[in-house]
All heavy atoms as atom14 arrays in JSON, in Angstrom:
{
  "sequence": "VVGAVIGLIGLLVSSILLAAGLTFLNSDEAESYSECVEHAGGKSDRE",
  "atom14_mask": [
    [1, 1, 1, 1, 1, 1, 1, 0, 0, 0, 0, 0, 0, 0],
    [1, 1, 1, 1, 1, 1, 1, 0, 0, 0, 0, 0, 0, 0],
    [1, 1, 1, 1, 0, 0, 0, 0, 0, 0, 0, 0, 0, 0],
    [1, 1, 1, 1, 1, 0, 0, 0, 0, 0, 0, 0, 0, 0],
    [1, 1, 1, 1, 1, 1, 1, 0, 0, 0, 0, 0, 0, 0],
    [1, 1, 1, 1, 1, 1, 1, 1, 0, 0, 0, 0, 0, 0],
    [1, 1, 1, 1, 0, 0, 0, 0, 0, 0, 0, 0, 0, 0],
    [1, 1, 1, 1, 1, 1, 1, 1, 0, 0, 0, 0, 0, 0],
    [1, 1, 1, 1, 1, 1, 1, 1, 0, 0, 0, 0, 0, 0],
    [1, 1, 1, 1, 0, 0, 0, 0, 0, 0, 0, 0, 0, 0],
    [1, 1, 1, 1, 1, 1, 1, 1, 0, 0, 0, 0, 0, 0],
    [1, 1, 1, 1, 1, 1, 1, 1, 0, 0, 0, 0, 0, 0],
    [1, 1, 1, 1, 1, 1, 1, 0, 0, 0, 0, 0, 0, 0],
    [1, 1, 1, 1, 1, 1, 0, 0, 0, 0, 0, 0, 0, 0],
    [1, 1, 1, 1, 1, 1, 0, 0, 0, 0, 0, 0, 0, 0],
    [1, 1, 1, 1, 1, 1, 1, 1, 0, 0, 0, 0, 0, 0],
    [1, 1, 1, 1, 1, 1, 1, 1, 0, 0, 0, 0, 0, 0],
    [1, 1, 1, 1, 1, 1, 1, 1, 0, 0, 0, 0, 0, 0],
    [1, 1, 1, 1, 1, 0, 0, 0, 0, 0, 0, 0, 0, 0],
    [1, 1, 1, 1, 1, 0, 0, 0, 0, 0, 0, 0, 0, 0],
    [1, 1, 1, 1, 0, 0, 0, 0, 0, 0, 0, 0, 0, 0],
    [1, 1, 1, 1, 1, 1, 1, 1, 0, 0, 0, 0, 0, 0],
    [1, 1, 1, 1, 1, 1, 1, 0, 0, 0, 0, 0, 0, 0],
    [1, 1, 1, 1, 1, 1, 1, 1, 1, 1, 1, 0, 0, 0],
    [1, 1, 1, 1, 1, 1, 1, 1, 0, 0, 0, 0, 0, 0],
    [1, 1, 1, 1, 1, 1, 1, 1, 0, 0, 0, 0, 0, 0],
    [1, 1, 1, 1, 1, 1, 0, 0, 0, 0, 0, 0, 0, 0],
    [1, 1, 1, 1, 1, 1, 1, 1, 0, 0, 0, 0, 0, 0],
    [1, 1, 1, 1, 1, 1, 1, 1, 1, 0, 0, 0, 0, 0],
    [1, 1, 1, 1, 1, 0, 0, 0, 0, 0, 0, 0, 0, 0],
    [1, 1, 1, 1, 1, 1, 1, 1, 1, 0, 0, 0, 0, 0],
    [1, 1, 1, 1, 1, 1, 0, 0, 0, 0, 0, 0, 0, 0],
    [1, 1, 1, 1, 1, 1, 1, 1, 1, 1, 1, 1, 0, 0],
    [1, 1, 1, 1, 1, 1, 0, 0, 0, 0, 0, 0, 0, 0],
    [1, 1, 1, 1, 1, 1, 1, 1, 1, 0, 0, 0, 0, 0],
    [1, 1, 1, 1, 1, 1, 0, 0, 0, 0, 0, 0, 0, 0],
    [1, 1, 1, 1, 1, 1, 1, 0, 0, 0, 0, 0, 0, 0],
    [1, 1, 1, 1, 1, 1, 1, 1, 1, 0, 0, 0, 0, 0],
    [1, 1, 1, 1, 1, 1, 1, 1, 1, 1, 0, 0, 0, 0],
    [1, 1, 1, 1, 1, 0, 0, 0, 0, 0, 0, 0, 0, 0],
    [1, 1, 1, 1, 0, 0, 0, 0, 0, 0, 0, 0, 0, 0],
    [1, 1, 1, 1, 0, 0, 0, 0, 0, 0, 0, 0, 0, 0],
    [1, 1, 1, 1, 1, 1, 1, 1, 1, 0, 0, 0, 0, 0],
    [1, 1, 1, 1, 1, 1, 0, 0, 0, 0, 0, 0, 0, 0],
    [1, 1, 1, 1, 1, 1, 1, 1, 0, 0, 0, 0, 0, 0],
    [1, 1, 1, 1, 1, 1, 1, 1, 1, 1, 1, 0, 0, 0],
    [1, 1, 1, 1, 1, 1, 1, 1, 1, 0, 0, 0, 0, 0]
  ],
  "atom14_positions": [
    [[15.91, -19.28, 20.6], [16.52, -18.0, 20.22], [16.47, -17.8, 18.71], [16.13, -16.72, 18.22], [17.98, -17.91, 20.74], [18.7, -16.71, 20.16], [17.98, -17.86, 22.26], [0.0, 0.0, 0.0], [0.0, 0.0, 0.0], [0.0, 0.0, 0.0], [0.0, 0.0, 0.0], [0.0, 0.0, 0.0], [0.0, 0.0, 0.0], [0.0, 0.0, 0.0]],
    [[16.79, -18.83, 17.95], [16.75, -18.74, 16.48], [15.33, -18.44, 16.02], [15.12, -17.58, 15.15], [17.29, -20.03, 15.83], [17.0, -20.07, 14.35], [18.78, -20.17, 16.09], [0.0, 0.0, 0.0], [0.0, 0.0, 0.0], [0.0, 0.0, 0.0], [0.0, 0.0, 0.0], [0.0, 0.0, 0.0], [0.0, 0.0, 0.0], [0.0, 0.0, 0.0]],
    [[14.34, -19.1, 16.59], [12.95, -18.83, 16.24], [12.55, -17.41, 16.55], [11.87, -16.75, 15.76], [0.0, 0.0, 0.0], [0.0, 0.0, 0.0], [0.0, 0.0, 0.0], [0.0, 0.0, 0.0], [0.0, 0.0, 0.0], [0.0, 0.0, 0.0], [0.0, 0.0, 0.0], [0.0, 0.0, 0.0], [0.0, 0.0, 0.0], [0.0, 0.0, 0.0]],
    [[12.98, -16.9, 17.71], [12.66, -15.52, 18.09], [13.32, -14.52, 17.14], [12.7, -13.54, 16.72], [13.1, -15.25, 19.52], [0.0, 0.0, 0.0], [0.0, 0.0, 0.0], [0.0, 0.0, 0.0], [0.0, 0.0, 0.0], [0.0, 0.0, 0.0], [0.0, 0.0, 0.0], [0.0, 0.0, 0.0], [0.0, 0.0, 0.0], [0.0, 0.0, 0.0]],
    [[14.56, -14.77, 16.76], [15.27, -13.85, 15.85], [14.63, -13.86, 14.47], [14.39, -12.8, 13.87], [16.77, -14.21, 15.78], [17.47, -13.45, 14.66], [17.45, -13.94, 17.12], [0.0, 0.0, 0.0], [0.0, 0.0, 0.0], [0.0, 0.0, 0.0], [0.0, 0.0, 0.0], [0.0, 0.0, 0.0], [0.0, 0.0, 0.0], [0.0, 0.0, 0.0]],
    [[14.33, -15.04, 13.94], [13.69, -15.12, 12.62], [12.31, -14.45, 12.68], [11.93, -13.71, 11.77], [13.57, -16.58, 12.15], [14.95, -17.16, 11.89], [12.71, -16.69, 10.9], [14.94, -18.65, 11.62], [0.0, 0.0, 0.0], [0.0, 0.0, 0.0], [0.0, 0.0, 0.0], [0.0, 0.0, 0.0], [0.0, 0.0, 0.0], [0.0, 0.0, 0.0]],
    [[11.57, -14.68, 13.75], [10.27, -14.03, 13.91], [10.38, -12.53, 14.01], [9.56, -11.79, 13.45], [0.0, 0.0, 0.0], [0.0, 0.0, 0.0], [0.0, 0.0, 0.0], [0.0, 0.0, 0.0], [0.0, 0.0, 0.0], [0.0, 0.0, 0.0], [0.0, 0.0, 0.0], [0.0, 0.0, 0.0], [0.0, 0.0, 0.0], [0.0, 0.0, 0.0]],
    [[11.41, -12.04, 14.69], [11.64, -10.6, 14.82], [11.95, -9.99, 13.46], [11.45, -8.91, 13.12], [12.76, -10.32, 15.81], [13.05, -8.86, 16.1], [11.83, -8.18, 16.73], [14.25, -8.74, 17.02], [0.0, 0.0, 0.0], [0.0, 0.0, 0.0], [0.0, 0.0, 0.0], [0.0, 0.0, 0.0], [0.0, 0.0, 0.0], [0.0, 0.0, 0.0]],
    [[12.74, -10.67, 12.66], [13.06, -10.18, 11.32], [11.79, -10.11, 10.47], [11.53, -9.09, 9.81], [14.14, -11.06, 10.65], [15.47, -10.88, 11.37], [14.27, -10.73, 9.17], [16.53, -11.89, 10.97], [0.0, 0.0, 0.0], [0.0, 0.0, 0.0], [0.0, 0.0, 0.0], [0.0, 0.0, 0.0], [0.0, 0.0, 0.0], [0.0, 0.0, 0.0]],
    [[10.98, -11.16, 10.49], [9.72, -11.15, 9.76], [8.79, -10.05, 10.25], [8.14, -9.37, 9.45], [0.0, 0.0, 0.0], [0.0, 0.0, 0.0], [0.0, 0.0, 0.0], [0.0, 0.0, 0.0], [0.0, 0.0, 0.0], [0.0, 0.0, 0.0], [0.0, 0.0, 0.0], [0.0, 0.0, 0.0], [0.0, 0.0, 0.0], [0.0, 0.0, 0.0]],
    [[8.75, -9.85, 11.56], [7.92, -8.79, 12.15], [8.38, -7.41, 11.69], [7.56, -6.57, 11.3], [7.98, -8.9, 13.68], [7.33, -7.77, 14.48], [5.83, -7.74, 14.24], [7.64, -7.95, 15.95], [0.0, 0.0, 0.0], [0.0, 0.0, 0.0], [0.0, 0.0, 0.0], [0.0, 0.0, 0.0], [0.0, 0.0, 0.0], [0.0, 0.0, 0.0]],
    [[9.68, -7.17, 11.71], [10.2, -5.86, 11.31], [9.95, -5.58, 9.83], [9.5, -4.49, 9.47], [11.69, -5.76, 11.63], [12.05, -5.72, 13.1], [13.57, -5.75, 13.29], [11.45, -4.5, 13.76], [0.0, 0.0, 0.0], [0.0, 0.0, 0.0], [0.0, 0.0, 0.0], [0.0, 0.0, 0.0], [0.0, 0.0, 0.0], [0.0, 0.0, 0.0]],
    [[10.23, -6.56, 8.97], [10.03, -6.36, 7.53], [8.54, -6.15, 7.24], [8.17, -5.26, 6.46], [10.6, -7.55, 6.72], [10.23, -7.44, 5.25], [12.11, -7.61, 6.88], [0.0, 0.0, 0.0], [0.0, 0.0, 0.0], [0.0, 0.0, 0.0], [0.0, 0.0, 0.0], [0.0, 0.0, 0.0], [0.0, 0.0, 0.0], [0.0, 0.0, 0.0]],
    [[7.68, -6.94, 7.86], [6.25, -6.79, 7.66], [5.76, -5.43, 8.15], [4.93, -4.8, 7.49], [5.51, -7.91, 8.4], [4.15, -7.86, 8.12], [0.0, 0.0, 0.0], [0.0, 0.0, 0.0], [0.0, 0.0, 0.0], [0.0, 0.0, 0.0], [0.0, 0.0, 0.0], [0.0, 0.0, 0.0], [0.0, 0.0, 0.0], [0.0, 0.0, 0.0]],
    [[6.27, -4.97, 9.27], [5.88, -3.66, 9.8], [6.31, -2.53, 8.87], [5.56, -1.57, 8.65], [6.48, -3.45, 11.19], [6.0, -4.41, 12.08], [0.0, 0.0, 0.0], [0.0, 0.0, 0.0], [0.0, 0.0, 0.0], [0.0, 0.0, 0.0], [0.0, 0.0, 0.0], [0.0, 0.0, 0.0], [0.0, 0.0, 0.0], [0.0, 0.0, 0.0]],
    [[7.51, -2.65, 8.32], [8.0, -1.64, 7.37], [7.13, -1.62, 6.12], [6.74, -0.54, 5.63], [9.48, -1.88, 7.03], [10.35, -1.58, 8.25], [9.92, -1.05, 5.83], [11.79, -2.05, 8.12], [0.0, 0.0, 0.0], [0.0, 0.0, 0.0], [0.0, 0.0, 0.0], [0.0, 0.0, 0.0], [0.0, 0.0, 0.0], [0.0, 0.0, 0.0]],
    [[6.81, -2.8, 5.59], [5.94, -2.86, 4.41], [4.55, -2.31, 4.7], [3.96, -1.61, 3.86], [5.83, -4.3, 3.9], [7.05, -4.86, 3.2], [6.83, -6.32, 2.85], [7.37, -4.06, 1.95], [0.0, 0.0, 0.0], [0.0, 0.0, 0.0], [0.0, 0.0, 0.0], [0.0, 0.0, 0.0], [0.0, 0.0, 0.0], [0.0, 0.0, 0.0]],
    [[4.01, -2.61, 5.86], [2.7, -2.1, 6.23], [2.73, -0.57, 6.34], [1.83, 0.1, 5.83], [2.24, -2.72, 7.55], [0.87, -2.29, 8.07], [-0.23, -2.68, 7.08], [0.61, -2.89, 9.43], [0.0, 0.0, 0.0], [0.0, 0.0, 0.0], [0.0, 0.0, 0.0], [0.0, 0.0, 0.0], [0.0, 0.0, 0.0], [0.0, 0.0, 0.0]],
    [[3.75, -0.04, 6.98], [3.86, 1.42, 7.1], [4.02, 2.09, 5.74], [3.39, 3.11, 5.46], [5.04, 1.78, 8.01], [0.0, 0.0, 0.0], [0.0, 0.0, 0.0], [0.0, 0.0, 0.0], [0.0, 0.0, 0.0], [0.0, 0.0, 0.0], [0.0, 0.0, 0.0], [0.0, 0.0, 0.0], [0.0, 0.0, 0.0], [0.0, 0.0, 0.0]],
    [[4.83, 1.48, 4.86], [5.01, 2.05, 3.52], [3.71, 1.98, 2.73], [3.35, 2.94, 2.03], [6.12, 1.3, 2.79], [0.0, 0.0, 0.0], [0.0, 0.0, 0.0], [0.0, 0.0, 0.0], [0.0, 0.0, 0.0], [0.0, 0.0, 0.0], [0.0, 0.0, 0.0], [0.0, 0.0, 0.0], [0.0, 0.0, 0.0], [0.0, 0.0, 0.0]],
    [[3.0, 0.88, 2.83], [1.73, 0.73, 2.12], [0.69, 1.73, 2.6], [-0.01, 2.35, 1.79], [0.0, 0.0, 0.0], [0.0, 0.0, 0.0], [0.0, 0.0, 0.0], [0.0, 0.0, 0.0], [0.0, 0.0, 0.0], [0.0, 0.0, 0.0], [0.0, 0.0, 0.0], [0.0, 0.0, 0.0], [0.0, 0.0, 0.0], [0.0, 0.0, 0.0]],
    [[0.59, 1.9, 3.91], [-0.37, 2.86, 4.45], [0.0, 4.29, 4.06], [-0.88, 5.1, 3.75], [-0.47, 2.72, 5.96], [-1.14, 1.45, 6.46], [-1.06, 1.36, 7.99], [-2.58, 1.38, 6.0], [0.0, 0.0, 0.0], [0.0, 0.0, 0.0], [0.0, 0.0, 0.0], [0.0, 0.0, 0.0], [0.0, 0.0, 0.0], [0.0, 0.0, 0.0]],
    [[1.29, 4.58, 4.07], [1.74, 5.91, 3.65], [1.38, 6.16, 2.19], [0.88, 7.22, 1.83], [3.26, 6.05, 3.85], [3.55, 5.86, 5.24], [3.75, 7.4, 3.39], [0.0, 0.0, 0.0], [0.0, 0.0, 0.0], [0.0, 0.0, 0.0], [0.0, 0.0, 0.0], [0.0, 0.0, 0.0], [0.0, 0.0, 0.0], [0.0, 0.0, 0.0]],
    [[1.6, 5.15, 1.36], [1.28, 5.28, -0.06], [-0.22, 5.44, -0.28], [-0.66, 6.27, -1.06], [1.81, 4.08, -0.84], [1.42, 4.11, -2.29], [2.05, 4.98, -3.16], [0.42, 3.28, -2.76], [1.68, 5.02, -4.5], [0.05, 3.31, -4.09], [0.68, 4.18, -4.97], [0.0, 0.0, 0.0], [0.0, 0.0, 0.0], [0.0, 0.0, 0.0]],
    [[-1.02, 4.62, 0.41], [-2.47, 4.68, 0.23], [-3.06, 6.0, 0.71], [-4.12, 6.42, 0.25], [-3.15, 3.51, 0.93], [-2.91, 2.15, 0.28], [-3.54, 1.05, 1.13], [-3.47, 2.11, -1.13], [0.0, 0.0, 0.0], [0.0, 0.0, 0.0], [0.0, 0.0, 0.0], [0.0, 0.0, 0.0], [0.0, 0.0, 0.0], [0.0, 0.0, 0.0]],
    [[-2.39, 6.64, 1.64], [-2.86, 7.94, 2.14], [-2.26, 9.11, 1.37], [-2.48, 10.25, 1.74], [-2.55, 8.08, 3.63], [-3.41, 7.18, 4.47], [-4.56, 6.91, 4.13], [-2.88, 6.7, 5.58], [0.0, 0.0, 0.0], [0.0, 0.0, 0.0], [0.0, 0.0, 0.0], [0.0, 0.0, 0.0], [0.0, 0.0, 0.0], [0.0, 0.0, 0.0]],
    [[-1.52, 8.84, 0.31], [-0.89, 9.91, -0.46], [-1.9, 10.61, -1.35], [-2.97, 10.08, -1.66], [0.25, 9.35, -1.31], [-0.27, 8.54, -2.35], [0.0, 0.0, 0.0], [0.0, 0.0, 0.0], [0.0, 0.0, 0.0], [0.0, 0.0, 0.0], [0.0, 0.0, 0.0], [0.0, 0.0, 0.0], [0.0, 0.0, 0.0], [0.0, 0.0, 0.0]],
    [[-1.55, 11.81, -1.79], [-2.41, 12.57, -2.69], [-2.57, 11.87, -4.03], [-3.64, 11.91, -4.63], [-1.82, 13.98, -2.92], [-1.87, 14.83, -1.66], [-2.73, 14.55, -0.78], [-1.04, 15.76, -1.54], [0.0, 0.0, 0.0], [0.0, 0.0, 0.0], [0.0, 0.0, 0.0], [0.0, 0.0, 0.0], [0.0, 0.0, 0.0], [0.0, 0.0, 0.0]],
    [[-1.49, 11.21, -4.49], [-1.56, 10.51, -5.78], [-2.57, 9.38, -5.75], [-3.35, 9.19, -6.68], [-0.17, 9.98, -6.18], [0.84, 11.04, -6.52], [1.55, 11.6, -5.3], [1.32, 11.1, -4.17], [2.34, 12.54, -5.47], [0.0, 0.0, 0.0], [0.0, 0.0, 0.0], [0.0, 0.0, 0.0], [0.0, 0.0, 0.0], [0.0, 0.0, 0.0]],
    [[-2.55, 8.6, -4.68], [-3.48, 7.48, -4.56], [-4.91, 7.97, -4.44], [-5.83, 7.39, -5.02], [-3.12, 6.61, -3.36], [0.0, 0.0, 0.0], [0.0, 0.0, 0.0], [0.0, 0.0, 0.0], [0.0, 0.0, 0.0], [0.0, 0.0, 0.0], [0.0, 0.0, 0.0], [0.0, 0.0, 0.0], [0.0, 0.0, 0.0], [0.0, 0.0, 0.0]],
    [[-5.11, 9.04, -3.7], [-6.45, 9.62, -3.56], [-6.96, 10.16, -4.9], [-8.11, 9.95, -5.28], [-6.43, 10.73, -2.52], [-7.8, 11.27, -2.2], [-7.76, 12.32, -1.1], [-6.92, 12.2, -0.19], [-8.58, 13.24, -1.16], [0.0, 0.0, 0.0], [0.0, 0.0, 0.0], [0.0, 0.0, 0.0], [0.0, 0.0, 0.0], [0.0, 0.0, 0.0]],
    [[-6.07, 10.81, -5.64], [-6.43, 11.35, -6.95], [-6.8, 10.21, -7.91], [-7.78, 10.31, -8.66], [-5.27, 12.17, -7.51], [-5.55, 12.6, -8.81], [0.0, 0.0, 0.0], [0.0, 0.0, 0.0], [0.0, 0.0, 0.0], [0.0, 0.0, 0.0], [0.0, 0.0, 0.0], [0.0, 0.0, 0.0], [0.0, 0.0, 0.0], [0.0, 0.0, 0.0]],
    [[-6.01, 9.13, -7.9], [-6.29, 7.97, -8.76], [-7.63, 7.35, -8.41], [-8.43, 7.01, -9.28], [-5.17, 6.95, -8.64], [-5.44, 5.67, -9.38], [-5.37, 5.62, -10.76], [-5.79, 4.51, -8.69], [-5.64, 4.44, -11.45], [-6.06, 3.33, -9.37], [-5.98, 3.3, -10.75], [-6.25, 2.15, -11.43], [0.0, 0.0, 0.0], [0.0, 0.0, 0.0]],
    [[-7.9, 7.21, -7.13], [-9.15, 6.62, -6.68], [-10.35, 7.44, -7.15], [-11.35, 6.89, -7.63], [-9.14, 6.49, -5.16], [-10.35, 5.98, -4.69], [0.0, 0.0, 0.0], [0.0, 0.0, 0.0], [0.0, 0.0, 0.0], [0.0, 0.0, 0.0], [0.0, 0.0, 0.0], [0.0, 0.0, 0.0], [0.0, 0.0, 0.0], [0.0, 0.0, 0.0]],
    [[-10.25, 8.75, -7.02], [-11.34, 9.62, -7.47], [-11.5, 9.55, -8.99], [-12.63, 9.54, -9.5], [-11.07, 11.06, -7.05], [-11.24, 11.3, -5.57], [-10.87, 12.72, -5.17], [-10.66, 13.58, -6.07], [-10.8, 12.98, -3.96], [0.0, 0.0, 0.0], [0.0, 0.0, 0.0], [0.0, 0.0, 0.0], [0.0, 0.0, 0.0], [0.0, 0.0, 0.0]],
    [[-10.4, 9.49, -9.71], [-10.44, 9.41, -11.16], [-11.15, 8.14, -11.62], [-12.04, 8.18, -12.48], [-9.03, 9.48, -11.74], [-8.96, 9.44, -13.54], [0.0, 0.0, 0.0], [0.0, 0.0, 0.0], [0.0, 0.0, 0.0], [0.0, 0.0, 0.0], [0.0, 0.0, 0.0], [0.0, 0.0, 0.0], [0.0, 0.0, 0.0], [0.0, 0.0, 0.0]],
    [[-10.79, 7.01, -11.01], [-11.4, 5.73, -11.39], [-12.87, 5.72, -11.02], [-13.71, 5.19, -11.77], [-10.64, 4.55, -10.73], [-11.4, 3.26, -10.89], [-9.25, 4.44, -11.31], [0.0, 0.0, 0.0], [0.0, 0.0, 0.0], [0.0, 0.0, 0.0], [0.0, 0.0, 0.0], [0.0, 0.0, 0.0], [0.0, 0.0, 0.0], [0.0, 0.0, 0.0]],
    [[-13.2, 6.33, -9.9], [-14.6, 6.37, -9.45], [-15.48, 7.13, -10.43], [-16.64, 6.77, -10.64], [-14.65, 7.03, -8.07], [-15.99, 6.96, -7.39], [-15.93, 7.56, -6.0], [-15.09, 7.09, -5.2], [-16.72, 8.48, -5.73], [0.0, 0.0, 0.0], [0.0, 0.0, 0.0], [0.0, 0.0, 0.0], [0.0, 0.0, 0.0], [0.0, 0.0, 0.0]],
    [[-14.93, 8.16, -11.05], [-15.72, 8.99, -11.97], [-15.49, 8.61, -13.44], [-16.03, 9.27, -14.32], [-15.4, 10.47, -11.75], [-15.82, 10.96, -10.4], [-14.92, 11.1, -9.36], [-17.04, 11.3, -9.9], [-15.56, 11.53, -8.3], [-16.85, 11.66, -8.59], [0.0, 0.0, 0.0], [0.0, 0.0, 0.0], [0.0, 0.0, 0.0], [0.0, 0.0, 0.0]],
    [[-14.71, 7.59, -13.69], [-14.43, 7.19, -15.07], [-15.68, 6.6, -15.71], [-16.42, 5.85, -15.09], [-13.29, 6.17, -15.1], [0.0, 0.0, 0.0], [0.0, 0.0, 0.0], [0.0, 0.0, 0.0], [0.0, 0.0, 0.0], [0.0, 0.0, 0.0], [0.0, 0.0, 0.0], [0.0, 0.0, 0.0], [0.0, 0.0, 0.0], [0.0, 0.0, 0.0]],
    [[-15.85, 6.93, -16.99], [-17.04, 6.47, -17.69], [-16.86, 5.12, -18.35], [-17.81, 4.39, -18.54], [0.0, 0.0, 0.0], [0.0, 0.0, 0.0], [0.0, 0.0, 0.0], [0.0, 0.0, 0.0], [0.0, 0.0, 0.0], [0.0, 0.0, 0.0], [0.0, 0.0, 0.0], [0.0, 0.0, 0.0], [0.0, 0.0, 0.0], [0.0, 0.0, 0.0]],
    [[-15.65, 4.76, -18.69], [-15.43, 3.51, -19.4], [-14.0, 3.05, -19.26], [-13.21, 3.6, -18.48], [0.0, 0.0, 0.0], [0.0, 0.0, 0.0], [0.0, 0.0, 0.0], [0.0, 0.0, 0.0], [0.0, 0.0, 0.0], [0.0, 0.0, 0.0], [0.0, 0.0, 0.0], [0.0, 0.0, 0.0], [0.0, 0.0, 0.0], [0.0, 0.0, 0.0]],
    [[-13.67, 2.03, -20.05], [-12.34, 1.43, -19.97], [-11.25, 2.43, -20.37], [-10.2, 2.51, -19.73], [-12.28, 0.2, -20.87], [-10.97, -0.52, -20.83], [-10.98, -1.76, -21.69], [-9.61, -2.43, -21.62], [-9.57, -3.63, -22.43], [0.0, 0.0, 0.0], [0.0, 0.0, 0.0], [0.0, 0.0, 0.0], [0.0, 0.0, 0.0], [0.0, 0.0, 0.0]],
    [[-11.48, 3.2, -21.41], [-10.46, 4.16, -21.86], [-10.22, 5.23, -20.81], [-9.09, 5.68, -20.61], [-10.85, 4.79, -23.2], [-12.05, 5.53, -23.05], [0.0, 0.0, 0.0], [0.0, 0.0, 0.0], [0.0, 0.0, 0.0], [0.0, 0.0, 0.0], [0.0, 0.0, 0.0], [0.0, 0.0, 0.0], [0.0, 0.0, 0.0], [0.0, 0.0, 0.0]],
    [[-11.27, 5.65, -20.09], [-11.1, 6.64, -19.01], [-10.29, 6.05, -17.86], [-9.43, 6.73, -17.29], [-12.46, 7.11, -18.49], [-13.21, 7.96, -19.48], [-12.58, 8.49, -20.43], [-14.44, 8.11, -19.31], [0.0, 0.0, 0.0], [0.0, 0.0, 0.0], [0.0, 0.0, 0.0], [0.0, 0.0, 0.0], [0.0, 0.0, 0.0], [0.0, 0.0, 0.0]],
    [[-10.54, 4.78, -17.52], [-9.77, 4.13, -16.45], [-8.3, 3.96, -16.85], [-7.4, 4.13, -16.02], [-10.39, 2.78, -16.08], [-11.69, 2.91, -15.29], [-12.17, 1.59, -14.73], [-12.48, 0.61, -15.75], [-13.66, 0.5, -16.37], [-14.64, 1.31, -16.04], [-13.86, -0.42, -17.29], [0.0, 0.0, 0.0], [0.0, 0.0, 0.0], [0.0, 0.0, 0.0]],
    [[-8.06, 3.66, -18.13], [-6.68, 3.56, -18.61], [-5.98, 4.9, -18.52], [-4.8, 4.97, -18.18], [-6.65, 3.02, -20.04], [-7.01, 1.55, -20.13], [-7.12, 1.06, -21.57], [-6.95, 1.87, -22.51], [-7.38, -0.15, -21.75], [0.0, 0.0, 0.0], [0.0, 0.0, 0.0], [0.0, 0.0, 0.0], [0.0, 0.0, 0.0], [0.0, 0.0, 0.0]]
  ]
}
């Protein structure tokens, strides 16, 4: 029972982090940053 409860807690926290990460990566800000870096000419543009 203790193993199942600890595993469930790890599963829930990991699922929440995964959902938050996917939400963030699919945001307009992340997409805009990705496009900006892709078209950057040098280090100062990436900064």
